[in-house]
Amino acid sequence: GGSVAGTEWDYGEESPLVDARGWQLPRSAAHPTQLTDRP
């Protein structure tokens, strides 16, 4: 009788390739496991 939100995760707020040292890794250079901002 409970609820879960089995919805699309809002990937618009994800940024897994931004580096805290001041740059962003190009998507073309990323390993597939780093692309956590896509379904």
All heavy atoms as atom14 arrays in JSON, in Angstrom:
{
  "sequence": "GGSVAGTEWDYGEESPLVDARGWQLPRSAAHPTQLTDRP",
  "atom14_mask": [
    [1, 1, 1, 1, 0, 0, 0, 0, 0, 0, 0, 0, 0, 0],
    [1, 1, 1, 1, 0, 0, 0, 0, 0, 0, 0, 0, 0, 0],
    [1, 1, 1, 1, 1, 1, 0, 0, 0, 0, 0, 0, 0, 0],
    [1, 1, 1, 1, 1, 1, 1, 0, 0, 0, 0, 0, 0, 0],
    [1, 1, 1, 1, 1, 0, 0, 0, 0, 0, 0, 0, 0, 0],
    [1, 1, 1, 1, 0, 0, 0, 0, 0, 0, 0, 0, 0, 0],
    [1, 1, 1, 1, 1, 1, 1, 0, 0, 0, 0, 0, 0, 0],
    [1, 1, 1, 1, 1, 1, 1, 1, 1, 0, 0, 0, 0, 0],
    [1, 1, 1, 1, 1, 1, 1, 1, 1, 1, 1, 1, 1, 1],
    [1, 1, 1, 1, 1, 1, 1, 1, 0, 0, 0, 0, 0, 0],
    [1, 1, 1, 1, 1, 1, 1, 1, 1, 1, 1, 1, 0, 0],
    [1, 1, 1, 1, 0, 0, 0, 0, 0, 0, 0, 0, 0, 0],
    [1, 1, 1, 1, 1, 1, 1, 1, 1, 0, 0, 0, 0, 0],
    [1, 1, 1, 1, 1, 1, 1, 1, 1, 0, 0, 0, 0, 0],
    [1, 1, 1, 1, 1, 1, 0, 0, 0, 0, 0, 0, 0, 0],
    [1, 1, 1, 1, 1, 1, 1, 0, 0, 0, 0, 0, 0, 0],
    [1, 1, 1, 1, 1, 1, 1, 1, 0, 0, 0, 0, 0, 0],
    [1, 1, 1, 1, 1, 1, 1, 0, 0, 0, 0, 0, 0, 0],
    [1, 1, 1, 1, 1, 1, 1, 1, 0, 0, 0, 0, 0, 0],
    [1, 1, 1, 1, 1, 0, 0, 0, 0, 0, 0, 0, 0, 0],
    [1, 1, 1, 1, 1, 1, 1, 1, 1, 1, 1, 0, 0, 0],
    [1, 1, 1, 1, 0, 0, 0, 0, 0, 0, 0, 0, 0, 0],
    [1, 1, 1, 1, 1, 1, 1, 1, 1, 1, 1, 1, 1, 1],
    [1, 1, 1, 1, 1, 1, 1, 1, 1, 0, 0, 0, 0, 0],
    [1, 1, 1, 1, 1, 1, 1, 1, 0, 0, 0, 0, 0, 0],
    [1, 1, 1, 1, 1, 1, 1, 0, 0, 0, 0, 0, 0, 0],
    [1, 1, 1, 1, 1, 1, 1, 1, 1, 1, 1, 0, 0, 0],
    [1, 1, 1, 1, 1, 1, 0, 0, 0, 0, 0, 0, 0, 0],
    [1, 1, 1, 1, 1, 0, 0, 0, 0, 0, 0, 0, 0, 0],
    [1, 1, 1, 1, 1, 0, 0, 0, 0, 0, 0, 0, 0, 0],
    [1, 1, 1, 1, 1, 1, 1, 1, 1, 1, 0, 0, 0, 0],
    [1, 1, 1, 1, 1, 1, 1, 0, 0, 0, 0, 0, 0, 0],
    [1, 1, 1, 1, 1, 1, 1, 0, 0, 0, 0, 0, 0, 0],
    [1, 1, 1, 1, 1, 1, 1, 1, 1, 0, 0, 0, 0, 0],
    [1, 1, 1, 1, 1, 1, 1, 1, 0, 0, 0, 0, 0, 0],
    [1, 1, 1, 1, 1, 1, 1, 0, 0, 0, 0, 0, 0, 0],
    [1, 1, 1, 1, 1, 1, 1, 1, 0, 0, 0, 0, 0, 0],
    [1, 1, 1, 1, 1, 1, 1, 1, 1, 1, 1, 0, 0, 0],
    [1, 1, 1, 1, 1, 1, 1, 0, 0, 0, 0, 0, 0, 0]
  ],
  "atom14_positions": [
    [[0.79, -1.23, 0.0], [0.0, 0.0, 0.0], [0.81, 1.27, 0.0], [0.26, 2.37, 0.09], [0.0, 0.0, 0.0], [0.0, 0.0, 0.0], [0.0, 0.0, 0.0], [0.0, 0.0, 0.0], [0.0, 0.0, 0.0], [0.0, 0.0, 0.0], [0.0, 0.0, 0.0], [0.0, 0.0, 0.0], [0.0, 0.0, 0.0], [0.0, 0.0, 0.0]],
    [[2.13, 1.16, -0.12], [2.98, 2.34, -0.13], [3.24, 2.84, -1.53], [2.68, 2.33, -2.52], [0.0, 0.0, 0.0], [0.0, 0.0, 0.0], [0.0, 0.0, 0.0], [0.0, 0.0, 0.0], [0.0, 0.0, 0.0], [0.0, 0.0, 0.0], [0.0, 0.0, 0.0], [0.0, 0.0, 0.0], [0.0, 0.0, 0.0], [0.0, 0.0, 0.0]],
    [[4.08, 3.85, -1.63], [4.4, 4.45, -2.93], [5.91, 4.56, -3.09], [6.64, 4.8, -2.12], [3.78, 5.86, -3.04], [2.38, 5.81, -3.01], [0.0, 0.0, 0.0], [0.0, 0.0, 0.0], [0.0, 0.0, 0.0], [0.0, 0.0, 0.0], [0.0, 0.0, 0.0], [0.0, 0.0, 0.0], [0.0, 0.0, 0.0], [0.0, 0.0, 0.0]],
    [[6.36, 4.38, -4.31], [7.72, 4.72, -4.7], [7.6, 5.59, -5.95], [6.59, 5.55, -6.65], [8.58, 3.48, -5.01], [8.78, 2.64, -3.77], [7.96, 2.65, -6.12], [0.0, 0.0, 0.0], [0.0, 0.0, 0.0], [0.0, 0.0, 0.0], [0.0, 0.0, 0.0], [0.0, 0.0, 0.0], [0.0, 0.0, 0.0], [0.0, 0.0, 0.0]],
    [[8.61, 6.37, -6.19], [8.63, 7.15, -7.43], [9.5, 6.39, -8.42], [10.72, 6.55, -8.45], [9.17, 8.56, -7.18], [0.0, 0.0, 0.0], [0.0, 0.0, 0.0], [0.0, 0.0, 0.0], [0.0, 0.0, 0.0], [0.0, 0.0, 0.0], [0.0, 0.0, 0.0], [0.0, 0.0, 0.0], [0.0, 0.0, 0.0], [0.0, 0.0, 0.0]],
    [[8.85, 5.51, -9.2], [9.56, 4.8, -10.25], [9.58, 5.65, -11.49], [9.02, 5.3, -12.53], [0.0, 0.0, 0.0], [0.0, 0.0, 0.0], [0.0, 0.0, 0.0], [0.0, 0.0, 0.0], [0.0, 0.0, 0.0], [0.0, 0.0, 0.0], [0.0, 0.0, 0.0], [0.0, 0.0, 0.0], [0.0, 0.0, 0.0], [0.0, 0.0, 0.0]],
    [[10.21, 6.8, -11.38], [10.17, 7.82, -12.42], [11.52, 7.93, -13.11], [12.5, 7.32, -12.71], [9.83, 9.19, -11.8], [10.92, 9.58, -10.94], [8.56, 9.14, -11.0], [0.0, 0.0, 0.0], [0.0, 0.0, 0.0], [0.0, 0.0, 0.0], [0.0, 0.0, 0.0], [0.0, 0.0, 0.0], [0.0, 0.0, 0.0], [0.0, 0.0, 0.0]],
    [[11.55, 8.75, -14.11], [12.83, 9.11, -14.71], [13.63, 9.93, -13.7], [13.1, 10.85, -13.08], [12.61, 9.93, -15.98], [11.98, 9.15, -17.12], [12.88, 8.06, -17.65], [14.11, 8.25, -17.63], [12.36, 7.03, -18.09], [0.0, 0.0, 0.0], [0.0, 0.0, 0.0], [0.0, 0.0, 0.0], [0.0, 0.0, 0.0], [0.0, 0.0, 0.0]],
    [[14.89, 9.56, -13.51], [15.77, 10.39, -12.7], [16.05, 11.66, -13.47], [16.22, 11.65, -14.69], [17.06, 9.64, -12.41], [17.99, 10.32, -11.45], [19.16, 10.95, -11.75], [17.84, 10.43, -10.03], [19.75, 11.44, -10.62], [18.96, 11.13, -9.54], [16.87, 10.01, -9.13], [19.14, 11.42, -8.19], [17.04, 10.29, -7.78], [18.16, 10.99, -7.32]],
    [[16.07, 12.79, -12.77], [16.28, 14.06, -13.43], [17.78, 14.26, -13.67], [18.49, 14.86, -12.88], [15.73, 15.2, -12.57], [15.81, 16.56, -13.27], [16.16, 16.58, -14.47], [15.56, 17.58, -12.63], [0.0, 0.0, 0.0], [0.0, 0.0, 0.0], [0.0, 0.0, 0.0], [0.0, 0.0, 0.0], [0.0, 0.0, 0.0], [0.0, 0.0, 0.0]],
    [[18.27, 13.71, -14.81], [19.7, 13.76, -15.1], [20.19, 15.16, -15.45], [21.39, 15.39, -15.55], [20.03, 12.8, -16.25], [19.92, 11.35, -15.86], [18.8, 10.6, -16.21], [20.92, 10.73, -15.15], [18.69, 9.27, -15.85], [20.83, 9.39, -14.78], [19.71, 8.67, -15.14], [19.6, 7.35, -14.78], [0.0, 0.0, 0.0], [0.0, 0.0, 0.0]],
    [[19.25, 16.11, -15.63], [19.66, 17.47, -15.94], [20.49, 18.11, -14.86], [21.21, 19.07, -15.1], [0.0, 0.0, 0.0], [0.0, 0.0, 0.0], [0.0, 0.0, 0.0], [0.0, 0.0, 0.0], [0.0, 0.0, 0.0], [0.0, 0.0, 0.0], [0.0, 0.0, 0.0], [0.0, 0.0, 0.0], [0.0, 0.0, 0.0], [0.0, 0.0, 0.0]],
    [[20.4, 17.58, -13.63], [21.16, 18.14, -12.52], [22.48, 17.4, -12.29], [23.21, 17.72, -11.35], [20.31, 18.08, -11.24], [18.98, 18.8, -11.33], [19.14, 20.3, -11.52], [20.13, 20.86, -11.01], [18.3, 20.9, -12.2], [0.0, 0.0, 0.0], [0.0, 0.0, 0.0], [0.0, 0.0, 0.0], [0.0, 0.0, 0.0], [0.0, 0.0, 0.0]],
    [[22.81, 16.41, -13.12], [24.02, 15.62, -12.92], [25.18, 16.23, -13.72], [25.0, 16.72, -14.83], [23.78, 14.18, -13.37], [22.59, 13.5, -12.7], [22.97, 12.8, -11.41], [24.12, 12.38, -11.28], [22.09, 12.68, -10.55], [0.0, 0.0, 0.0], [0.0, 0.0, 0.0], [0.0, 0.0, 0.0], [0.0, 0.0, 0.0], [0.0, 0.0, 0.0]],
    [[26.38, 16.15, -13.15], [27.57, 16.66, -13.84], [28.78, 15.82, -13.44], [29.7, 16.31, -12.76], [27.8, 18.14, -13.48], [27.8, 18.33, -12.07], [0.0, 0.0, 0.0], [0.0, 0.0, 0.0], [0.0, 0.0, 0.0], [0.0, 0.0, 0.0], [0.0, 0.0, 0.0], [0.0, 0.0, 0.0], [0.0, 0.0, 0.0], [0.0, 0.0, 0.0]],
    [[28.84, 14.55, -13.84], [29.88, 13.65, -13.34], [31.27, 13.9, -13.9], [32.23, 13.34, -13.39], [29.36, 12.27, -13.77], [28.55, 12.55, -15.01], [27.89, 13.87, -14.73], [0.0, 0.0, 0.0], [0.0, 0.0, 0.0], [0.0, 0.0, 0.0], [0.0, 0.0, 0.0], [0.0, 0.0, 0.0], [0.0, 0.0, 0.0], [0.0, 0.0, 0.0]],
    [[31.4, 14.72, -14.94], [32.71, 14.93, -15.56], [33.36, 16.24, -15.14], [34.44, 16.57, -15.62], [32.57, 14.88, -17.09], [31.99, 13.58, -17.65], [31.97, 13.62, -19.17], [32.77, 12.36, -17.16], [0.0, 0.0, 0.0], [0.0, 0.0, 0.0], [0.0, 0.0, 0.0], [0.0, 0.0, 0.0], [0.0, 0.0, 0.0], [0.0, 0.0, 0.0]],
    [[32.72, 16.99, -14.24], [33.32, 18.23, -13.73], [34.3, 17.86, -12.63], [33.97, 17.16, -11.68], [32.26, 19.2, -13.2], [32.91, 20.42, -12.59], [31.31, 19.6, -14.32], [0.0, 0.0, 0.0], [0.0, 0.0, 0.0], [0.0, 0.0, 0.0], [0.0, 0.0, 0.0], [0.0, 0.0, 0.0], [0.0, 0.0, 0.0], [0.0, 0.0, 0.0]],
    [[35.53, 18.34, -12.77], [36.6, 18.01, -11.84], [36.78, 19.14, -10.83], [36.79, 20.32, -11.2], [37.91, 17.78, -12.61], [38.98, 17.09, -11.79], [39.39, 17.66, -10.77], [39.4, 15.97, -12.18], [0.0, 0.0, 0.0], [0.0, 0.0, 0.0], [0.0, 0.0, 0.0], [0.0, 0.0, 0.0], [0.0, 0.0, 0.0], [0.0, 0.0, 0.0]],
    [[36.94, 18.8, -9.56], [37.07, 19.81, -8.51], [38.34, 20.63, -8.65], [38.46, 21.7, -8.04], [37.05, 19.13, -7.13], [0.0, 0.0, 0.0], [0.0, 0.0, 0.0], [0.0, 0.0, 0.0], [0.0, 0.0, 0.0], [0.0, 0.0, 0.0], [0.0, 0.0, 0.0], [0.0, 0.0, 0.0], [0.0, 0.0, 0.0], [0.0, 0.0, 0.0]],
    [[39.27, 20.17, -9.47], [40.51, 20.92, -9.65], [40.4, 22.0, -10.71], [41.38, 22.68, -11.01], [41.65, 19.95, -9.99], [41.99, 19.01, -8.84], [42.89, 17.88, -9.26], [42.23, 16.94, -10.15], [42.79, 15.84, -10.63], [44.03, 15.55, -10.31], [42.11, 15.03, -11.43], [0.0, 0.0, 0.0], [0.0, 0.0, 0.0], [0.0, 0.0, 0.0]],
    [[39.18, 22.16, -11.29], [38.96, 23.32, -12.13], [38.76, 23.06, -13.6], [38.84, 23.99, -14.41], [0.0, 0.0, 0.0], [0.0, 0.0, 0.0], [0.0, 0.0, 0.0], [0.0, 0.0, 0.0], [0.0, 0.0, 0.0], [0.0, 0.0, 0.0], [0.0, 0.0, 0.0], [0.0, 0.0, 0.0], [0.0, 0.0, 0.0], [0.0, 0.0, 0.0]],
    [[38.5, 21.84, -14.02], [38.26, 21.58, -15.43], [37.18, 20.52, -15.59], [36.71, 19.94, -14.62], [39.54, 21.15, -16.15], [40.16, 19.89, -15.65], [39.82, 18.61, -15.95], [41.25, 19.77, -14.72], [40.61, 17.71, -15.29], [41.5, 18.39, -14.53], [42.05, 20.7, -14.06], [42.52, 17.92, -13.69], [43.05, 20.23, -13.22], [43.28, 18.87, -13.05]],
    [[36.8, 20.28, -16.86], [35.78, 19.27, -17.15], [36.35, 18.29, -18.16], [36.9, 18.69, -19.2], [34.51, 19.92, -17.7], [33.41, 18.9, -18.02], [32.04, 19.54, -18.19], [31.81, 20.61, -17.67], [31.16, 18.88, -18.92], [0.0, 0.0, 0.0], [0.0, 0.0, 0.0], [0.0, 0.0, 0.0], [0.0, 0.0, 0.0], [0.0, 0.0, 0.0]],
    [[36.22, 17.01, -17.86], [36.69, 15.98, -18.76], [35.78, 15.9, -19.98], [34.56, 15.81, -19.84], [36.7, 14.62, -18.04], [37.25, 13.42, -18.8], [38.75, 13.56, -18.98], [36.93, 12.13, -18.06], [0.0, 0.0, 0.0], [0.0, 0.0, 0.0], [0.0, 0.0, 0.0], [0.0, 0.0, 0.0], [0.0, 0.0, 0.0], [0.0, 0.0, 0.0]],
    [[36.33, 15.94, -21.2], [35.48, 15.81, -22.39], [34.77, 14.45, -22.4], [35.34, 13.44, -22.01], [36.49, 15.91, -23.55], [37.69, 16.57, -22.98], [37.74, 16.15, -21.55], [0.0, 0.0, 0.0], [0.0, 0.0, 0.0], [0.0, 0.0, 0.0], [0.0, 0.0, 0.0], [0.0, 0.0, 0.0], [0.0, 0.0, 0.0], [0.0, 0.0, 0.0]],
    [[33.53, 14.44, -22.88], [32.78, 13.18, -22.91], [33.48, 12.15, -23.79], [33.43, 10.94, -23.51], [31.36, 13.43, -23.42], [30.53, 14.34, -22.53], [29.08, 14.4, -22.98], [28.35, 13.2, -22.63], [27.78, 12.99, -21.44], [27.86, 13.91, -20.49], [27.12, 11.87, -21.2], [0.0, 0.0, 0.0], [0.0, 0.0, 0.0], [0.0, 0.0, 0.0]],
    [[34.15, 12.61, -24.83], [34.83, 11.68, -25.73], [36.0, 10.98, -25.04], [36.42, 9.9, -25.47], [35.34, 12.43, -26.96], [36.24, 13.47, -26.58], [0.0, 0.0, 0.0], [0.0, 0.0, 0.0], [0.0, 0.0, 0.0], [0.0, 0.0, 0.0], [0.0, 0.0, 0.0], [0.0, 0.0, 0.0], [0.0, 0.0, 0.0], [0.0, 0.0, 0.0]],
    [[36.52, 11.57, -23.98], [37.66, 10.99, -23.27], [37.24, 10.19, -22.05], [38.07, 9.57, -21.39], [38.63, 12.09, -22.84], [0.0, 0.0, 0.0], [0.0, 0.0, 0.0], [0.0, 0.0, 0.0], [0.0, 0.0, 0.0], [0.0, 0.0, 0.0], [0.0, 0.0, 0.0], [0.0, 0.0, 0.0], [0.0, 0.0, 0.0], [0.0, 0.0, 0.0]],
    [[35.95, 10.2, -21.73], [35.47, 9.55, -20.51], [35.26, 8.05, -20.73], [34.86, 7.61, -21.81], [34.17, 10.19, -20.05], [0.0, 0.0, 0.0], [0.0, 0.0, 0.0], [0.0, 0.0, 0.0], [0.0, 0.0, 0.0], [0.0, 0.0, 0.0], [0.0, 0.0, 0.0], [0.0, 0.0, 0.0], [0.0, 0.0, 0.0], [0.0, 0.0, 0.0]],
    [[35.52, 7.29, -19.69], [35.18, 5.87, -19.7], [33.66, 5.76, -19.59], [33.01, 6.57, -18.92], [35.84, 5.18, -18.51], [35.75, 3.69, -18.55], [34.68, 2.99, -18.02], [36.59, 2.74, -19.06], [34.87, 1.7, -18.19], [36.01, 1.51, -18.82], [0.0, 0.0, 0.0], [0.0, 0.0, 0.0], [0.0, 0.0, 0.0], [0.0, 0.0, 0.0]],
    [[33.03, 4.78, -20.27], [31.57, 4.68, -20.22], [30.99, 4.64, -18.81], [29.9, 5.15, -18.57], [31.29, 3.36, -20.97], [32.44, 3.21, -21.91], [33.63, 3.78, -21.18], [0.0, 0.0, 0.0], [0.0, 0.0, 0.0], [0.0, 0.0, 0.0], [0.0, 0.0, 0.0], [0.0, 0.0, 0.0], [0.0, 0.0, 0.0], [0.0, 0.0, 0.0]],
    [[31.73, 4.07, -17.85], [31.21, 3.99, -16.49], [31.16, 5.35, -15.81], [30.55, 5.48, -14.75], [32.06, 3.04, -15.64], [33.42, 3.5, -15.63], [32.01, 1.63, -16.19], [0.0, 0.0, 0.0], [0.0, 0.0, 0.0], [0.0, 0.0, 0.0], [0.0, 0.0, 0.0], [0.0, 0.0, 0.0], [0.0, 0.0, 0.0], [0.0, 0.0, 0.0]],
    [[31.83, 6.36, -16.4], [31.79, 7.7, -15.81], [30.55, 8.48, -16.26], [30.25, 9.53, -15.66], [33.05, 8.48, -16.2], [34.32, 7.95, -15.57], [35.53, 8.74, -16.03], [36.17, 8.39, -17.02], [35.84, 9.8, -15.33], [0.0, 0.0, 0.0], [0.0, 0.0, 0.0], [0.0, 0.0, 0.0], [0.0, 0.0, 0.0], [0.0, 0.0, 0.0]],
    [[29.85, 8.0, -17.26], [28.72, 8.75, -17.81], [27.45, 8.41, -17.05], [26.49, 7.85, -17.58], [28.58, 8.45, -19.3], [29.82, 8.79, -20.15], [29.59, 8.38, -21.59], [30.17, 10.27, -20.04], [0.0, 0.0, 0.0], [0.0, 0.0, 0.0], [0.0, 0.0, 0.0], [0.0, 0.0, 0.0], [0.0, 0.0, 0.0], [0.0, 0.0, 0.0]],
    [[27.44, 8.8, -15.78], [26.29, 8.49, -14.91], [25.17, 9.5, -15.05], [24.18, 9.43, -14.32], [26.74, 8.44, -13.44], [27.34, 9.7, -13.1], [27.75, 7.33, -13.23], [0.0, 0.0, 0.0], [0.0, 0.0, 0.0], [0.0, 0.0, 0.0], [0.0, 0.0, 0.0], [0.0, 0.0, 0.0], [0.0, 0.0, 0.0], [0.0, 0.0, 0.0]],
    [[25.29, 10.43, -15.99], [24.25, 11.43, -16.19], [23.35, 11.08, -17.38], [22.7, 11.94, -17.95], [24.87, 12.82, -16.43], [25.83, 12.84, -17.61], [26.28, 11.75, -18.04], [26.14, 13.94, -18.1], [0.0, 0.0, 0.0], [0.0, 0.0, 0.0], [0.0, 0.0, 0.0], [0.0, 0.0, 0.0], [0.0, 0.0, 0.0], [0.0, 0.0, 0.0]],
    [[23.31, 9.81, -17.73], [22.42, 9.39, -18.81], [21.77, 8.06, -18.42], [22.35, 7.28, -17.65], [23.18, 9.23, -20.13], [24.2, 8.11, -20.13], [24.99, 8.06, -21.44], [25.84, 6.89, -21.51], [26.73, 6.67, -22.47], [26.87, 7.57, -23.43], [27.46, 5.59, -22.48], [0.0, 0.0, 0.0], [0.0, 0.0, 0.0], [0.0, 0.0, 0.0]],
    [[20.58, 7.79, -18.94], [19.89, 6.54, -18.59], [20.65, 5.33, -19.09], [21.46, 5.41, -20.01], [18.53, 6.68, -19.28], [18.39, 8.14, -19.59], [19.78, 8.66, -19.8], [0.0, 0.0, 0.0], [0.0, 0.0, 0.0], [0.0, 0.0, 0.0], [0.0, 0.0, 0.0], [0.0, 0.0, 0.0], [0.0, 0.0, 0.0], [0.0, 0.0, 0.0]]
  ]
}
